Amino acid sequence: MILVKGRHWPLVDLVLRNNGKVRFSTETLSETADRTYSAALADLDIAVSNDRPDMKRIYLNDGTGHFQLSSEVGARLGPLATLPSPT
């Protein structure tokens, strides 16, 4: 299970693993806290959608159930950043 949180303030995302005996172990997805909206699993990899100014993150599964940051996408926009006006 992937637990992503922190919409209004930065928190660390977690991976919760069921050991098959109704117990979960906890591992941080990243040591970096972010403002997460949601996460999606695809082919056992994870895409994390964050609010600005945090980048969107892609984590790849190493085949043993552990995740490694693969890439960050999107623009770093601070809370007071202005977008260019359309021409």
Protein backbone atom coordinates (compact mmCIF):
# COMPACT_ATOMS: atom_id res chain seq x y z
CA MET A 1 0.00 0.00 0.00
CA ILE A 2 1.26 3.50 -0.79
CA LEU A 3 0.36 6.22 1.71
CA VAL A 4 0.77 9.69 0.24
CA LYS A 5 -0.28 12.74 2.16
CA GLY A 6 0.65 16.33 2.78
CA ARG A 7 -1.61 18.30 0.45
CA HIS A 8 -1.28 21.53 2.43
CA TRP A 9 2.07 20.93 4.11
CA PRO A 10 5.07 18.77 3.23
CA LEU A 11 5.06 15.21 4.66
CA VAL A 12 7.04 12.09 3.76
CA ASP A 13 5.27 9.47 1.57
CA LEU A 14 5.25 5.88 2.87
CA VAL A 15 5.18 2.33 1.53
CA LEU A 16 3.30 -0.09 3.82
CA ARG A 17 4.03 -3.79 3.21
CA ASN A 18 1.75 -6.56 4.43
CA ASN A 19 3.73 -9.55 5.70
CA GLY A 20 0.74 -11.87 5.11
CA LYS A 21 0.03 -12.14 8.84
CA VAL A 22 -2.00 -8.93 9.25
CA ARG A 23 1.09 -6.87 10.05
CA PHE A 24 2.62 -4.05 8.04
CA SER A 25 6.18 -2.84 7.84
CA THR A 26 6.78 0.81 6.96
CA GLU A 27 9.36 2.24 4.59
CA THR A 28 9.69 5.83 3.43
CA LEU A 29 9.28 6.28 -0.31
CA SER A 30 11.63 9.23 -0.13
CA GLU A 31 13.40 11.07 2.66
CA THR A 32 12.17 14.29 1.06
CA ALA A 33 8.83 15.60 2.30
CA ASP A 34 6.47 16.92 -0.37
CA ARG A 35 2.93 18.27 -0.83
CA THR A 36 1.30 15.21 -2.38
CA TYR A 37 -2.10 15.20 -4.08
CA SER A 38 -2.12 11.58 -5.19
CA ALA A 39 -0.09 8.60 -6.33
CA ALA A 40 -0.67 5.95 -8.97
CA LEU A 41 0.83 2.49 -9.39
CA ALA A 42 1.63 1.32 -12.90
CA ASP A 43 3.49 -1.91 -13.58
CA LEU A 44 4.51 -1.77 -9.89
CA ASP A 45 6.22 1.61 -10.35
CA ILE A 46 4.87 4.76 -8.66
CA ALA A 47 4.01 8.21 -9.98
CA VAL A 48 3.51 10.85 -7.25
CA SER A 49 1.55 14.01 -8.03
CA ASN A 50 2.64 16.96 -5.87
CA ASP A 51 1.41 20.50 -5.38
CA ARG A 52 3.76 23.34 -6.23
CA PRO A 53 6.51 24.14 -5.48
CA ASP A 54 7.31 20.39 -5.32
CA MET A 55 8.20 18.43 -8.46
CA LYS A 56 6.17 15.42 -9.60
CA ARG A 57 8.19 12.24 -8.94
CA ILE A 58 8.52 8.86 -10.65
CA TYR A 59 9.80 5.91 -8.59
CA LEU A 60 10.82 2.62 -10.20
CA ASN A 61 10.44 -0.73 -8.47
CA ASP A 62 13.76 -2.59 -8.27
CA GLY A 63 12.02 -5.96 -8.56
CA THR A 64 12.18 -6.68 -4.81
CA GLY A 65 9.46 -4.23 -3.78
CA HIS A 66 11.78 -1.32 -3.05
CA PHE A 67 11.54 1.95 -4.94
CA GLN A 68 14.21 4.25 -6.32
CA LEU A 69 13.62 7.81 -7.49
CA SER A 70 13.90 7.74 -11.28
CA SER A 71 12.96 11.26 -12.32
CA GLU A 72 11.30 14.50 -11.35
CA VAL A 73 9.08 16.37 -13.79
CA GLY A 74 7.34 19.72 -13.90
CA ALA A 75 8.33 23.29 -13.19
CA ARG A 76 9.39 24.45 -9.75
CA LEU A 77 6.94 27.25 -9.07
CA GLY A 78 7.04 28.96 -5.71
CA PRO A 79 3.84 30.09 -4.02
CA LEU A 80 4.32 33.65 -5.29
CA ALA A 81 5.55 32.75 -8.76
CA THR A 82 3.66 34.25 -11.67
CA LEU A 83 2.94 32.43 -14.87
CA PRO A 84 3.74 34.13 -18.18
CA SER A 85 0.75 35.80 -19.76
CA PRO A 86 -0.62 34.16 -22.92
CA THR A 87 0.22 35.99 -26.14
